[in-house]
């Protein structure tokens, strides 16, 4: 679980840096729509970084394989969802668009597994 905690901290830090980069460095270079797309990636990355920290804290209280899978899916979701939005905004490569929902599904299943693990462990 230490890996997930380090990954969550680095991801949260990166989302702050990317948000600042978007606000100051990309504002004049991207269309309003692409800037909003980039910011959505930042927002979801930050929220799910906090979610991953929550998973680690809960795991320490009630270890569960389901929580391990939840953490893995949370990380995969950040890479696929936010990463595809960053790539789409910066490069406008349309083939990145279909990757975003895969990341979204990783988020959904990560949260679902977390709920199931908590219910199972009472």
PDB file of N, CA and C in Angstrom:
ATOM      1  N   UNK A   1       0.804  -1.202   0.000  1.00  0.00           N
ATOM      2  CA  UNK A   1       0.000   0.000   0.000  1.00  0.00           C
ATOM      3  C   UNK A   1       0.853   1.275   0.000  1.00  0.00           C
ATOM      4  N   UNK A   2       2.088   1.159   0.402  1.00  0.00           N
ATOM      5  CA  UNK A   2       2.948   2.335   0.380  1.00  0.00           C
ATOM      6  C   UNK A   2       3.083   2.870  -1.049  1.00  0.00           C
ATOM      7  N   UNK A   3       3.145   1.962  -2.015  1.00  0.00           N
ATOM      8  CA  UNK A   3       3.226   2.375  -3.421  1.00  0.00           C
ATOM      9  C   UNK A   3       2.042   3.267  -3.786  1.00  0.00           C
ATOM     10  N   UNK A   4       0.839   2.862  -3.363  1.00  0.00           N
ATOM     11  CA  UNK A   4      -0.356   3.634  -3.690  1.00  0.00           C
ATOM     12  C   UNK A   4      -0.340   5.003  -3.012  1.00  0.00           C
ATOM     13  N   UNK A   5       0.161   5.054  -1.787  1.00  0.00           N
ATOM     14  CA  UNK A   5       0.221   6.332  -1.078  1.00  0.00           C
ATOM     15  C   UNK A   5       1.220   7.279  -1.743  1.00  0.00           C
ATOM     16  N   UNK A   6       2.365   6.748  -2.127  1.00  0.00           N
ATOM     17  CA  UNK A   6       3.347   7.572  -2.837  1.00  0.00           C
ATOM     18  C   UNK A   6       2.769   8.019  -4.177  1.00  0.00           C
ATOM     19  N   UNK A   7       2.146   7.104  -4.900  1.00  0.00           N
ATOM     20  CA  UNK A   7       1.537   7.445  -6.195  1.00  0.00           C
ATOM     21  C   UNK A   7       0.463   8.513  -6.028  1.00  0.00           C
ATOM     22  N   UNK A   8      -0.338   8.400  -4.975  1.00  0.00           N
ATOM     23  CA  UNK A   8      -1.400   9.385  -4.734  1.00  0.00           C
ATOM     24  C   UNK A   8      -0.818  10.762  -4.441  1.00  0.00           C
ATOM     25  N   UNK A   9       0.225  10.801  -3.620  1.00  0.00           N
ATOM     26  CA  UNK A   9       0.856  12.079  -3.308  1.00  0.00           C
ATOM     27  C   UNK A   9       1.478  12.721  -4.537  1.00  0.00           C
ATOM     28  N   UNK A  10       2.176  11.914  -5.323  1.00  0.00           N
ATOM     29  CA  UNK A  10       2.782  12.436  -6.554  1.00  0.00           C
ATOM     30  C   UNK A  10       1.718  12.881  -7.549  1.00  0.00           C
ATOM     31  N   UNK A  11       0.629  12.121  -7.637  1.00  0.00           N
ATOM     32  CA  UNK A  11      -0.449  12.472  -8.552  1.00  0.00           C
ATOM     33  C   UNK A  11      -1.133  13.775  -8.138  1.00  0.00           C
ATOM     34  N   UNK A  12      -1.354  13.941  -6.837  1.00  0.00           N
ATOM     35  CA  UNK A  12      -1.960  15.190  -6.352  1.00  0.00           C
ATOM     36  C   UNK A  12      -1.046  16.374  -6.649  1.00  0.00           C
ATOM     37  N   UNK A  13       0.247  16.194  -6.393  1.00  0.00           N
ATOM     38  CA  UNK A  13       1.214  17.251  -6.689  1.00  0.00           C
ATOM     39  C   UNK A  13       1.212  17.587  -8.178  1.00  0.00           C
ATOM     40  N   UNK A  14       1.221  16.545  -9.007  1.00  0.00           N
ATOM     41  CA  UNK A  14       1.219  16.751 -10.451  1.00  0.00           C
ATOM     42  C   UNK A  14      -0.050  17.463 -10.915  1.00  0.00           C
ATOM     43  N   UNK A  15      -1.181  17.140 -10.313  1.00  0.00           N
ATOM     44  CA  UNK A  15      -2.413  17.799 -10.734  1.00  0.00           C
ATOM     45  C   UNK A  15      -2.397  19.294 -10.392  1.00  0.00           C
ATOM     46  N   UNK A  16      -1.797  19.645  -9.266  1.00  0.00           N
ATOM     47  CA  UNK A  16      -1.653  21.063  -8.918  1.00  0.00           C
ATOM     48  C   UNK A  16      -0.752  21.756  -9.937  1.00  0.00           C
ATOM     49  N   UNK A  17       0.356  21.106 -10.274  1.00  0.00           N
ATOM     50  CA  UNK A  17       1.289  21.687 -11.239  1.00  0.00           C
ATOM     51  C   UNK A  17       0.644  21.826 -12.625  1.00  0.00           C
ATOM     52  N   UNK A  18      -0.078  20.785 -13.045  1.00  0.00           N
ATOM     53  CA  UNK A  18      -0.734  20.845 -14.357  1.00  0.00           C
ATOM     54  C   UNK A  18      -1.844  21.886 -14.384  1.00  0.00           C
ATOM     55  N   UNK A  19      -2.561  22.035 -13.266  1.00  0.00           N
ATOM     56  CA  UNK A  19      -3.595  23.070 -13.197  1.00  0.00           C
ATOM     57  C   UNK A  19      -3.001  24.459 -13.330  1.00  0.00           C
ATOM     58  N   UNK A  20      -1.890  24.688 -12.661  1.00  0.00           N
ATOM     59  CA  UNK A  20      -1.216  25.990 -12.766  1.00  0.00           C
ATOM     60  C   UNK A  20      -0.675  26.203 -14.174  1.00  0.00           C
ATOM     61  N   UNK A  21      -0.108  25.145 -14.751  1.00  0.00           N
ATOM     62  CA  UNK A  21       0.412  25.220 -16.119  1.00  0.00           C
ATOM     63  C   UNK A  21      -0.713  25.571 -17.093  1.00  0.00           C
ATOM     64  N   UNK A  22      -1.865  24.964 -16.906  1.00  0.00           N
ATOM     65  CA  UNK A  22      -2.995  25.259 -17.792  1.00  0.00           C
ATOM     66  C   UNK A  22      -3.451  26.705 -17.633  1.00  0.00           C
ATOM     67  N   UNK A  23      -3.562  27.138 -16.394  1.00  0.00           N
ATOM     68  CA  UNK A  23      -4.055  28.493 -16.130  1.00  0.00           C
ATOM     69  C   UNK A  23      -3.103  29.571 -16.629  1.00  0.00           C
ATOM     70  N   UNK A  24      -1.810  29.301 -16.550  1.00  0.00           N
ATOM     71  CA  UNK A  24      -0.844  30.335 -16.899  1.00  0.00           C
ATOM     72  C   UNK A  24      -0.133  30.110 -18.231  1.00  0.00           C
ATOM     73  N   UNK A  25       0.136  28.871 -18.553  1.00  0.00           N
ATOM     74  CA  UNK A  25       0.923  28.597 -19.749  1.00  0.00           C
ATOM     75  C   UNK A  25       0.121  28.197 -20.971  1.00  0.00           C
ATOM     76  N   UNK A  26      -1.064  27.643 -20.740  1.00  0.00           N
ATOM     77  CA  UNK A  26      -1.846  27.152 -21.875  1.00  0.00           C
ATOM     78  C   UNK A  26      -3.023  28.049 -22.243  1.00  0.00           C
ATOM     79  N   UNK A  27      -3.358  28.965 -21.378  1.00  0.00           N
ATOM     80  CA  UNK A  27      -4.537  29.805 -21.583  1.00  0.00           C
ATOM     81  C   UNK A  27      -4.527  30.496 -22.946  1.00  0.00           C
ATOM     82  N   UNK A  28      -3.387  30.980 -23.359  1.00  0.00           N
ATOM     83  CA  UNK A  28      -3.293  31.699 -24.634  1.00  0.00           C
ATOM     84  C   UNK A  28      -3.089  30.755 -25.823  1.00  0.00           C
ATOM     85  N   UNK A  29      -2.788  29.496 -25.556  1.00  0.00           N
ATOM     86  CA  UNK A  29      -2.456  28.557 -26.636  1.00  0.00           C
ATOM     87  C   UNK A  29      -3.582  27.602 -27.003  1.00  0.00           C
ATOM     88  N   UNK A  30      -4.505  27.394 -26.080  1.00  0.00           N
ATOM     89  CA  UNK A  30      -5.591  26.448 -26.339  1.00  0.00           C
ATOM     90  C   UNK A  30      -6.913  27.186 -26.507  1.00  0.00           C
ATOM     91  N   UNK A  31      -7.807  26.567 -27.250  1.00  0.00           N
ATOM     92  CA  UNK A  31      -9.152  27.127 -27.338  1.00  0.00           C
ATOM     93  C   UNK A  31      -9.809  26.985 -25.966  1.00  0.00           C
ATOM     94  N   UNK A  32     -10.872  27.701 -25.771  1.00  0.00           N
ATOM     95  CA  UNK A  32     -11.589  27.622 -24.505  1.00  0.00           C
ATOM     96  C   UNK A  32     -12.065  26.195 -24.233  1.00  0.00           C
ATOM     97  N   UNK A  33     -12.519  25.521 -25.286  1.00  0.00           N
ATOM     98  CA  UNK A  33     -12.998  24.147 -25.147  1.00  0.00           C
ATOM     99  C   UNK A  33     -11.871  23.203 -24.760  1.00  0.00           C
ATOM    100  N   UNK A  34     -10.722  23.323 -25.408  1.00  0.00           N
ATOM    101  CA  UNK A  34      -9.596  22.447 -25.102  1.00  0.00           C
ATOM    102  C   UNK A  34      -9.011  22.750 -23.719  1.00  0.00           C
ATOM    103  N   UNK A  35      -9.047  24.019 -23.318  1.00  0.00           N
ATOM    104  CA  UNK A  35      -8.585  24.378 -21.975  1.00  0.00           C
ATOM    105  C   UNK A  35      -9.511  23.751 -20.932  1.00  0.00           C
ATOM    106  N   UNK A  36     -10.805  23.791 -21.187  1.00  0.00           N
ATOM    107  CA  UNK A  36     -11.775  23.166 -20.276  1.00  0.00           C
ATOM    108  C   UNK A  36     -11.566  21.655 -20.225  1.00  0.00           C
ATOM    109  N   UNK A  37     -11.249  21.052 -21.360  1.00  0.00           N
ATOM    110  CA  UNK A  37     -10.964  19.620 -21.405  1.00  0.00           C
ATOM    111  C   UNK A  37      -9.754  19.297 -20.538  1.00  0.00           C
ATOM    112  N   UNK A  38      -8.704  20.078 -20.666  1.00  0.00           N
ATOM    113  CA  UNK A  38      -7.492  19.889 -19.872  1.00  0.00           C
ATOM    114  C   UNK A  38      -7.812  20.030 -18.382  1.00  0.00           C
ATOM    115  N   UNK A  39      -8.571  21.066 -18.048  1.00  0.00           N
ATOM    116  CA  UNK A  39      -8.923  21.322 -16.643  1.00  0.00           C
ATOM    117  C   UNK A  39      -9.778  20.198 -16.056  1.00  0.00           C
ATOM    118  N   UNK A  40     -10.624  19.591 -16.885  1.00  0.00           N
ATOM    119  CA  UNK A  40     -11.408  18.444 -16.420  1.00  0.00           C
ATOM    120  C   UNK A  40     -10.475  17.303 -16.030  1.00  0.00           C
ATOM    121  N   UNK A  41      -9.447  17.076 -16.832  1.00  0.00           N
ATOM    122  CA  UNK A  41      -8.455  16.063 -16.493  1.00  0.00           C
ATOM    123  C   UNK A  41      -7.783  16.362 -15.165  1.00  0.00           C
ATOM    124  N   UNK A  42      -7.417  17.612 -14.954  1.00  0.00           N
ATOM    125  CA  UNK A  42      -6.778  18.030 -13.704  1.00  0.00           C
ATOM    126  C   UNK A  42      -7.710  17.784 -12.525  1.00  0.00           C
ATOM    127  N   UNK A  43      -8.954  18.191 -12.677  1.00  0.00           N
ATOM    128  CA  UNK A  43      -9.931  18.068 -11.594  1.00  0.00           C
ATOM    129  C   UNK A  43     -10.143  16.601 -11.206  1.00  0.00           C
ATOM    130  N   UNK A  44     -10.356  15.757 -12.196  1.00  0.00           N
ATOM    131  CA  UNK A  44     -10.578  14.341 -11.903  1.00  0.00           C
ATOM    132  C   UNK A  44      -9.325  13.687 -11.340  1.00  0.00           C
ATOM    133  N   UNK A  45      -8.166  14.075 -11.809  1.00  0.00           N
ATOM    134  CA  UNK A  45      -6.931  13.512 -11.273  1.00  0.00           C
ATOM    135  C   UNK A  45      -6.789  13.874  -9.804  1.00  0.00           C
ATOM    136  N   UNK A  46      -7.085  15.115  -9.465  1.00  0.00           N
ATOM    137  CA  UNK A  46      -6.935  15.531  -8.074  1.00  0.00           C
ATOM    138  C   UNK A  46      -7.932  14.815  -7.174  1.00  0.00           C
ATOM    139  N   UNK A  47      -9.200  14.777  -7.575  1.00  0.00           N
ATOM    140  CA  UNK A  47     -10.216  14.091  -6.766  1.00  0.00           C
ATOM    141  C   UNK A  47      -9.847  12.627  -6.539  1.00  0.00           C
ATOM    142  N   UNK A  48      -9.375  11.982  -7.584  1.00  0.00           N
ATOM    143  CA  UNK A  48      -9.078  10.556  -7.461  1.00  0.00           C
ATOM    144  C   UNK A  48      -7.742  10.300  -6.775  1.00  0.00           C
ATOM    145  N   UNK A  49      -6.869  11.287  -6.738  1.00  0.00           N
ATOM    146  CA  UNK A  49      -5.673  11.184  -5.897  1.00  0.00           C
ATOM    147  C   UNK A  49      -6.092  11.136  -4.429  1.00  0.00           C
ATOM    148  N   UNK A  50      -7.045  11.992  -4.073  1.00  0.00           N
ATOM    149  CA  UNK A  50      -7.582  11.964  -2.709  1.00  0.00           C
ATOM    150  C   UNK A  50      -8.311  10.652  -2.443  1.00  0.00           C
ATOM    151  N   UNK A  51      -9.028  10.160  -3.454  1.00  0.00           N
ATOM    152  CA  UNK A  51      -9.702   8.874  -3.317  1.00  0.00           C
ATOM    153  C   UNK A  51      -8.712   7.749  -3.061  1.00  0.00           C
ATOM    154  N   UNK A  52      -7.576   7.792  -3.723  1.00  0.00           N
ATOM    155  CA  UNK A  52      -6.563   6.763  -3.529  1.00  0.00           C
ATOM    156  C   UNK A  52      -5.980   6.841  -2.113  1.00  0.00           C
ATOM    157  N   UNK A  53      -5.812   8.036  -1.602  1.00  0.00           N
ATOM    158  CA  UNK A  53      -5.362   8.187  -0.209  1.00  0.00           C
ATOM    159  C   UNK A  53      -6.394   7.575   0.735  1.00  0.00           C
ATOM    160  N   UNK A  54      -7.662   7.795   0.470  1.00  0.00           N
ATOM    161  CA  UNK A  54      -8.727   7.205   1.276  1.00  0.00           C
ATOM    162  C   UNK A  54      -8.655   5.677   1.250  1.00  0.00           C
ATOM    163  N   UNK A  55      -8.419   5.118   0.083  1.00  0.00           N
ATOM    164  CA  UNK A  55      -8.304   3.667  -0.041  1.00  0.00           C
ATOM    165  C   UNK A  55      -7.161   3.147   0.836  1.00  0.00           C
ATOM    166  N   UNK A  56      -6.023   3.833   0.799  1.00  0.00           N
ATOM    167  CA  UNK A  56      -4.875   3.411   1.612  1.00  0.00           C
ATOM    168  C   UNK A  56      -5.222   3.464   3.093  1.00  0.00           C
ATOM    169  N   UNK A  57      -5.860   4.543   3.534  1.00  0.00           N
ATOM    170  CA  UNK A  57      -6.213   4.677   4.949  1.00  0.00           C
ATOM    171  C   UNK A  57      -7.193   3.594   5.384  1.00  0.00           C
ATOM    172  N   UNK A  58      -8.182   3.326   4.539  1.00  0.00           N
ATOM    173  CA  UNK A  58      -9.149   2.276   4.869  1.00  0.00           C
ATOM    174  C   UNK A  58      -8.503   0.894   4.850  1.00  0.00           C
ATOM    175  N   UNK A  59      -7.608   0.674   3.911  1.00  0.00           N
ATOM    176  CA  UNK A  59      -6.910  -0.606   3.825  1.00  0.00           C
ATOM    177  C   UNK A  59      -6.117  -0.873   5.105  1.00  0.00           C
ATOM    178  N   UNK A  60      -5.515   0.163   5.640  1.00  0.00           N
ATOM    179  CA  UNK A  60      -4.720   0.001   6.860  1.00  0.00           C
ATOM    180  C   UNK A  60      -5.592  -0.405   8.046  1.00  0.00           C
ATOM    181  N   UNK A  61      -6.863  -0.040   8.006  1.00  0.00           N
ATOM    182  CA  UNK A  61      -7.786  -0.414   9.077  1.00  0.00           C
ATOM    183  C   UNK A  61      -8.429  -1.774   8.827  1.00  0.00           C
ATOM    184  N   UNK A  62      -8.720  -2.053   7.548  1.00  0.00           N
ATOM    185  CA  UNK A  62      -9.393  -3.301   7.174  1.00  0.00           C
ATOM    186  C   UNK A  62      -8.791  -3.830   5.871  1.00  0.00           C
ATOM    187  N   UNK A  63      -7.653  -4.496   5.944  1.00  0.00           N
ATOM    188  CA  UNK A  63      -7.012  -4.986   4.718  1.00  0.00           C
ATOM    189  C   UNK A  63      -7.952  -5.878   3.906  1.00  0.00           C
ATOM    190  N   UNK A  64      -7.906  -5.687   2.592  1.00  0.00           N
ATOM    191  CA  UNK A  64      -8.793  -6.434   1.713  1.00  0.00           C
ATOM    192  C   UNK A  64      -8.213  -6.448   0.303  1.00  0.00           C
ATOM    193  N   UNK A  65      -8.310  -7.603  -0.330  1.00  0.00           N
ATOM    194  CA  UNK A  65      -7.897  -7.703  -1.731  1.00  0.00           C
ATOM    195  C   UNK A  65      -8.726  -6.808  -2.623  1.00  0.00           C
ATOM    196  N   UNK A  66      -9.996  -6.633  -2.257  1.00  0.00           N
ATOM    197  CA  UNK A  66     -10.858  -5.750  -3.045  1.00  0.00           C
ATOM    198  C   UNK A  66     -10.353  -4.309  -3.018  1.00  0.00           C
ATOM    199  N   UNK A  67      -9.831  -3.909  -1.872  1.00  0.00           N
ATOM    200  CA  UNK A  67      -9.289  -2.546  -1.785  1.00  0.00           C
ATOM    201  C   UNK A  67      -8.015  -2.405  -2.605  1.00  0.00           C
ATOM    202  N   UNK A  68      -7.234  -3.483  -2.672  1.00  0.00           N
ATOM    203  CA  UNK A  68      -6.045  -3.449  -3.531  1.00  0.00           C
ATOM    204  C   UNK A  68      -6.466  -3.249  -4.991  1.00  0.00           C
ATOM    205  N   UNK A  69      -7.474  -3.985  -5.417  1.00  0.00           N
ATOM    206  CA  UNK A  69      -7.972  -3.829  -6.785  1.00  0.00           C
ATOM    207  C   UNK A  69      -8.560  -2.435  -6.992  1.00  0.00           C
ATOM    208  N   UNK A  70      -9.219  -1.930  -5.964  1.00  0.00           N
ATOM    209  CA  UNK A  70      -9.779  -0.580  -6.040  1.00  0.00           C
ATOM    210  C   UNK A  70      -8.666   0.442  -6.276  1.00  0.00           C
ATOM    211  N   UNK A  71      -7.565   0.299  -5.552  1.00  0.00           N
ATOM    212  CA  UNK A  71      -6.430   1.200  -5.736  1.00  0.00           C
ATOM    213  C   UNK A  71      -5.822   1.092  -7.122  1.00  0.00           C
ATOM    214  N   UNK A  72      -5.714  -0.133  -7.610  1.00  0.00           N
ATOM    215  CA  UNK A  72      -5.166  -0.349  -8.953  1.00  0.00           C
ATOM    216  C   UNK A  72      -6.054   0.301 -10.012  1.00  0.00           C
ATOM    217  N   UNK A  73      -7.359   0.109  -9.879  1.00  0.00           N
ATOM    218  CA  UNK A  73      -8.289   0.713 -10.838  1.00  0.00           C
ATOM    219  C   UNK A  73      -8.311   2.236 -10.730  1.00  0.00           C
ATOM    220  N   UNK A  74      -8.140   2.765  -9.520  1.00  0.00           N
ATOM    221  CA  UNK A  74      -8.096   4.212  -9.335  1.00  0.00           C
ATOM    222  C   UNK A  74      -6.898   4.794 -10.083  1.00  0.00           C
ATOM    223  N   UNK A  75      -5.750   4.135  -9.945  1.00  0.00           N
ATOM    224  CA  UNK A  75      -4.556   4.591 -10.668  1.00  0.00           C
ATOM    225  C   UNK A  75      -4.743   4.477 -12.176  1.00  0.00           C
ATOM    226  N   UNK A  76      -5.274   3.349 -12.614  1.00  0.00           N
ATOM    227  CA  UNK A  76      -5.507   3.156 -14.052  1.00  0.00           C
ATOM    228  C   UNK A  76      -6.468   4.210 -14.579  1.00  0.00           C
ATOM    229  N   UNK A  77      -7.485   4.527 -13.799  1.00  0.00           N
ATOM    230  CA  UNK A  77      -8.436   5.558 -14.210  1.00  0.00           C
ATOM    231  C   UNK A  77      -7.786   6.912 -14.370  1.00  0.00           C
ATOM    232  N   UNK A  78      -6.884   7.248 -13.457  1.00  0.00           N
ATOM    233  CA  UNK A  78      -6.197   8.541 -13.563  1.00  0.00           C
ATOM    234  C   UNK A  78      -5.355   8.609 -14.830  1.00  0.00           C
ATOM    235  N   UNK A  79      -4.651   7.528 -15.110  1.00  0.00           N
ATOM    236  CA  UNK A  79      -3.812   7.506 -16.308  1.00  0.00           C
ATOM    237  C   UNK A  79      -4.667   7.566 -17.573  1.00  0.00           C
ATOM    238  N   UNK A  80      -5.685   6.717 -17.636  1.00  0.00           N
ATOM    239  CA  UNK A  80      -6.503   6.633 -18.855  1.00  0.00           C
ATOM    240  C   UNK A  80      -7.409   7.849 -19.026  1.00  0.00           C
ATOM    241  N   UNK A  81      -8.128   8.230 -17.969  1.00  0.00           N
ATOM    242  CA  UNK A  81      -9.081   9.334 -18.074  1.00  0.00           C
ATOM    243  C   UNK A  81      -8.350  10.668 -18.212  1.00  0.00           C
ATOM    244  N   UNK A  82      -7.594  11.017 -17.191  1.00  0.00           N
ATOM    245  CA  UNK A  82      -6.924  12.317 -17.213  1.00  0.00           C
ATOM    246  C   UNK A  82      -5.859  12.379 -18.296  1.00  0.00           C
ATOM    247  N   UNK A  83      -5.090  11.306 -18.425  1.00  0.00           N
ATOM    248  CA  UNK A  83      -4.041  11.287 -19.449  1.00  0.00           C
ATOM    249  C   UNK A  83      -4.580  11.469 -20.849  1.00  0.00           C
ATOM    250  N   UNK A  84      -5.707  10.825 -21.150  1.00  0.00           N
ATOM    251  CA  UNK A  84      -6.283  10.983 -22.492  1.00  0.00           C
ATOM    252  C   UNK A  84      -6.817  12.399 -22.699  1.00  0.00           C
ATOM    253  N   UNK A  85      -7.367  13.003 -21.649  1.00  0.00           N
ATOM    254  CA  UNK A  85      -7.847  14.385 -21.788  1.00  0.00           C
ATOM    255  C   UNK A  85      -6.686  15.358 -21.976  1.00  0.00           C
ATOM    256  N   UNK A  86      -5.584  15.134 -21.257  1.00  0.00           N
ATOM    257  CA  UNK A  86      -4.410  15.983 -21.455  1.00  0.00           C
ATOM    258  C   UNK A  86      -3.909  15.850 -22.890  1.00  0.00           C
ATOM    259  N   UNK A  87      -3.787  14.622 -23.337  1.00  0.00           N
ATOM    260  CA  UNK A  87      -3.310  14.386 -24.697  1.00  0.00           C
ATOM    261  C   UNK A  87      -4.224  14.970 -25.746  1.00  0.00           C
ATOM    262  N   UNK A  88      -5.521  14.795 -25.554  1.00  0.00           N
ATOM    263  CA  UNK A  88      -6.505  15.327 -26.497  1.00  0.00           C
ATOM    264  C   UNK A  88      -6.422  16.851 -26.573  1.00  0.00           C
ATOM    265  N   UNK A  89      -6.339  17.494 -25.406  1.00  0.00           N
ATOM    266  CA  UNK A  89      -6.285  18.959 -25.380  1.00  0.00           C
ATOM    267  C   UNK A  89      -5.005  19.494 -26.015  1.00  0.00           C
ATOM    268  N   UNK A  90      -3.887  18.819 -25.757  1.00  0.00           N
ATOM    269  CA  UNK A  90      -2.598  19.322 -26.236  1.00  0.00           C
ATOM    270  C   UNK A  90      -2.307  18.978 -27.691  1.00  0.00           C
ATOM    271  N   UNK A  91      -2.814  17.830 -28.143  1.00  0.00           N
ATOM    272  CA  UNK A  91      -2.466  17.378 -29.494  1.00  0.00           C
ATOM    273  C   UNK A  91      -3.638  17.365 -30.469  1.00  0.00           C
ATOM    274  N   UNK A  92      -4.848  17.361 -29.908  1.00  0.00           N
ATOM    275  CA  UNK A  92      -6.081  17.246 -30.703  1.00  0.00           C
ATOM    276  C   UNK A  92      -6.135  15.955 -31.518  1.00  0.00           C
ATOM    277  N   UNK A  93      -5.459  14.934 -31.051  1.00  0.00           N
ATOM    278  CA  UNK A  93      -5.528  13.623 -31.694  1.00  0.00           C
ATOM    279  C   UNK A  93      -6.853  12.968 -31.302  1.00  0.00           C
ATOM    280  N   UNK A  94      -7.746  12.856 -32.247  1.00  0.00           N
ATOM    281  CA  UNK A  94      -9.105  12.404 -31.946  1.00  0.00           C
ATOM    282  C   UNK A  94      -9.163  10.965 -31.444  1.00  0.00           C
ATOM    283  N   UNK A  95      -8.174  10.133 -31.782  1.00  0.00           N
ATOM    284  CA  UNK A  95      -8.207   8.742 -31.335  1.00  0.00           C
ATOM    285  C   UNK A  95      -8.034   8.625 -29.818  1.00  0.00           C
ATOM    286  N   UNK A  96      -7.617   9.686 -29.149  1.00  0.00           N
ATOM    287  CA  UNK A  96      -7.502   9.659 -27.692  1.00  0.00           C
ATOM    288  C   UNK A  96      -8.872   9.747 -27.013  1.00  0.00           C
ATOM    289  N   UNK A  97      -9.843  10.311 -27.704  1.00  0.00           N
ATOM    290  CA  UNK A  97     -11.183  10.473 -27.139  1.00  0.00           C
ATOM    291  C   UNK A  97     -11.813   9.193 -26.618  1.00  0.00           C
ATOM    292  N   UNK A  98     -11.770   8.092 -27.377  1.00  0.00           N
ATOM    293  CA  UNK A  98     -12.383   6.849 -26.888  1.00  0.00           C
ATOM    294  C   UNK A  98     -11.687   6.223 -25.679  1.00  0.00           C
ATOM    295  N   UNK A  99     -10.490   6.666 -25.347  1.00  0.00           N
ATOM    296  CA  UNK A  99      -9.793   6.135 -24.171  1.00  0.00           C
ATOM    297  C   UNK A  99     -10.398   6.699 -22.884  1.00  0.00           C
ATOM    298  N   UNK A 100     -10.895   7.913 -22.947  1.00  0.00           N
ATOM    299  CA  UNK A 100     -11.422   8.599 -21.765  1.00  0.00           C
ATOM    300  C   UNK A 100     -12.507   7.790 -21.050  1.00  0.00           C
ATOM    301  N   UNK A 101     -13.511   7.259 -21.751  1.00  0.00           N
ATOM    302  CA  UNK A 101     -14.536   6.475 -21.045  1.00  0.00           C
ATOM    303  C   UNK A 101     -13.988   5.207 -20.370  1.00  0.00           C
ATOM    304  N   UNK A 102     -12.925   4.638 -20.913  1.00  0.00           N
ATOM    305  CA  UNK A 102     -12.309   3.483 -20.256  1.00  0.00           C
ATOM    306  C   UNK A 102     -11.771   3.886 -18.882  1.00  0.00           C
ATOM    307  N   UNK A 103     -11.150   5.052 -18.834  1.00  0.00           N
ATOM    308  CA  UNK A 103     -10.682   5.574 -17.548  1.00  0.00           C
ATOM    309  C   UNK A 103     -11.834   5.860 -16.609  1.00  0.00           C
ATOM    310  N   UNK A 104     -12.922   6.382 -17.166  1.00  0.00           N
ATOM    311  CA  UNK A 104     -14.112   6.639 -16.354  1.00  0.00           C
ATOM    312  C   UNK A 104     -14.680   5.357 -15.761  1.00  0.00           C
ATOM    313  N   UNK A 105     -14.665   4.281 -16.548  1.00  0.00           N
ATOM    314  CA  UNK A 105     -15.151   2.995 -16.036  1.00  0.00           C
ATOM    315  C   UNK A 105     -14.222   2.464 -14.947  1.00  0.00           C
ATOM    316  N   UNK A 106     -12.929   2.691 -15.099  1.00  0.00           N
ATOM    317  CA  UNK A 106     -11.996   2.304 -14.033  1.00  0.00           C
ATOM    318  C   UNK A 106     -12.344   3.032 -12.734  1.00  0.00           C
ATOM    319  N   UNK A 107     -12.657   4.319 -12.831  1.00  0.00           N
ATOM    320  CA  UNK A 107     -13.068   5.070 -11.643  1.00  0.00           C
ATOM    321  C   UNK A 107     -14.321   4.463 -11.016  1.00  0.00           C
ATOM    322  N   UNK A 108     -15.323   4.198 -11.845  1.00  0.00           N
ATOM    323  CA  UNK A 108     -16.592   3.652 -11.345  1.00  0.00           C
ATOM    324  C   UNK A 108     -16.350   2.334 -10.614  1.00  0.00           C
ATOM    325  N   UNK A 109     -15.591   1.437 -11.235  1.00  0.00           N
ATOM    326  CA  UNK A 109     -15.346   0.143 -10.614  1.00  0.00           C
ATOM    327  C   UNK A 109     -14.446   0.259  -9.386  1.00  0.00           C
ATOM    328  N   UNK A 110     -13.532   1.216  -9.384  1.00  0.00           N
ATOM    329  CA  UNK A 110     -12.698   1.438  -8.200  1.00  0.00           C
ATOM    330  C   UNK A 110     -13.565   1.816  -7.004  1.00  0.00           C
ATOM    331  N   UNK A 111     -14.482   2.751  -7.223  1.00  0.00           N
ATOM    332  CA  UNK A 111     -15.370   3.166  -6.133  1.00  0.00           C
ATOM    333  C   UNK A 111     -16.307   2.027  -5.720  1.00  0.00           C
ATOM    334  N   UNK A 112     -16.800   1.276  -6.696  1.00  0.00           N
ATOM    335  CA  UNK A 112     -17.685   0.151  -6.398  1.00  0.00           C
ATOM    336  C   UNK A 112     -16.968  -0.895  -5.550  1.00  0.00           C
ATOM    337  N   UNK A 113     -15.751  -1.238  -5.927  1.00  0.00           N
ATOM    338  CA  UNK A 113     -14.990  -2.228  -5.150  1.00  0.00           C
ATOM    339  C   UNK A 113     -14.703  -1.722  -3.743  1.00  0.00           C
ATOM    340  N   UNK A 114     -14.466  -0.440  -3.613  1.00  0.00           N
ATOM    341  CA  UNK A 114     -14.242   0.133  -2.285  1.00  0.00           C
ATOM    342  C   UNK A 114     -15.495  -0.039  -1.415  1.00  0.00           C
ATOM    343  N   UNK A 115     -16.642   0.273  -1.983  1.00  0.00           N
ATOM    344  CA  UNK A 115     -17.914   0.127  -1.246  1.00  0.00           C
ATOM    345  C   UNK A 115     -18.144  -1.325  -0.859  1.00  0.00           C
ATOM    346  N   UNK A 116     -17.938  -2.237  -1.795  1.00  0.00           N
ATOM    347  CA  UNK A 116     -18.126  -3.662  -1.509  1.00  0.00           C
ATOM    348  C   UNK A 116     -17.175  -4.119  -0.413  1.00  0.00           C
ATOM    349  N   UNK A 117     -15.925  -3.690  -0.469  1.00  0.00           N
ATOM    350  CA  UNK A 117     -14.950  -4.078   0.556  1.00  0.00           C
ATOM    351  C   UNK A 117     -15.351  -3.575   1.930  1.00  0.00           C
ATOM    352  N   UNK A 118     -15.833  -2.347   1.991  1.00  0.00           N
ATOM    353  CA  UNK A 118     -16.242  -1.782   3.278  1.00  0.00           C
ATOM    354  C   UNK A 118     -17.451  -2.535   3.834  1.00  0.00           C
ATOM    355  N   UNK A 119     -18.430  -2.831   2.973  1.00  0.00           N
ATOM    356  CA  UNK A 119     -19.616  -3.574   3.417  1.00  0.00           C
ATOM    357  C   UNK A 119     -19.229  -4.977   3.864  1.00  0.00           C
ATOM    358  N   UNK A 120     -18.380  -5.622   3.097  1.00  0.00           N
ATOM    359  CA  UNK A 120     -17.946  -6.987   3.413  1.00  0.00           C
ATOM    360  C   UNK A 120     -17.206  -7.063   4.746  1.00  0.00           C
ATOM    361  N   UNK A 121     -16.378  -6.057   5.001  1.00  0.00           N
ATOM    362  CA  UNK A 121     -15.575  -6.065   6.232  1.00  0.00           C
ATOM    363  C   UNK A 121     -16.323  -5.533   7.457  1.00  0.00           C
ATOM    364  N   UNK A 122     -17.543  -5.054   7.215  1.00  0.00           N
ATOM    365  CA  UNK A 122     -18.394  -4.595   8.308  1.00  0.00           C
ATOM    366  C   UNK A 122     -17.856  -3.374   8.969  1.00  0.00           C
TER     367      UNK A 122
END
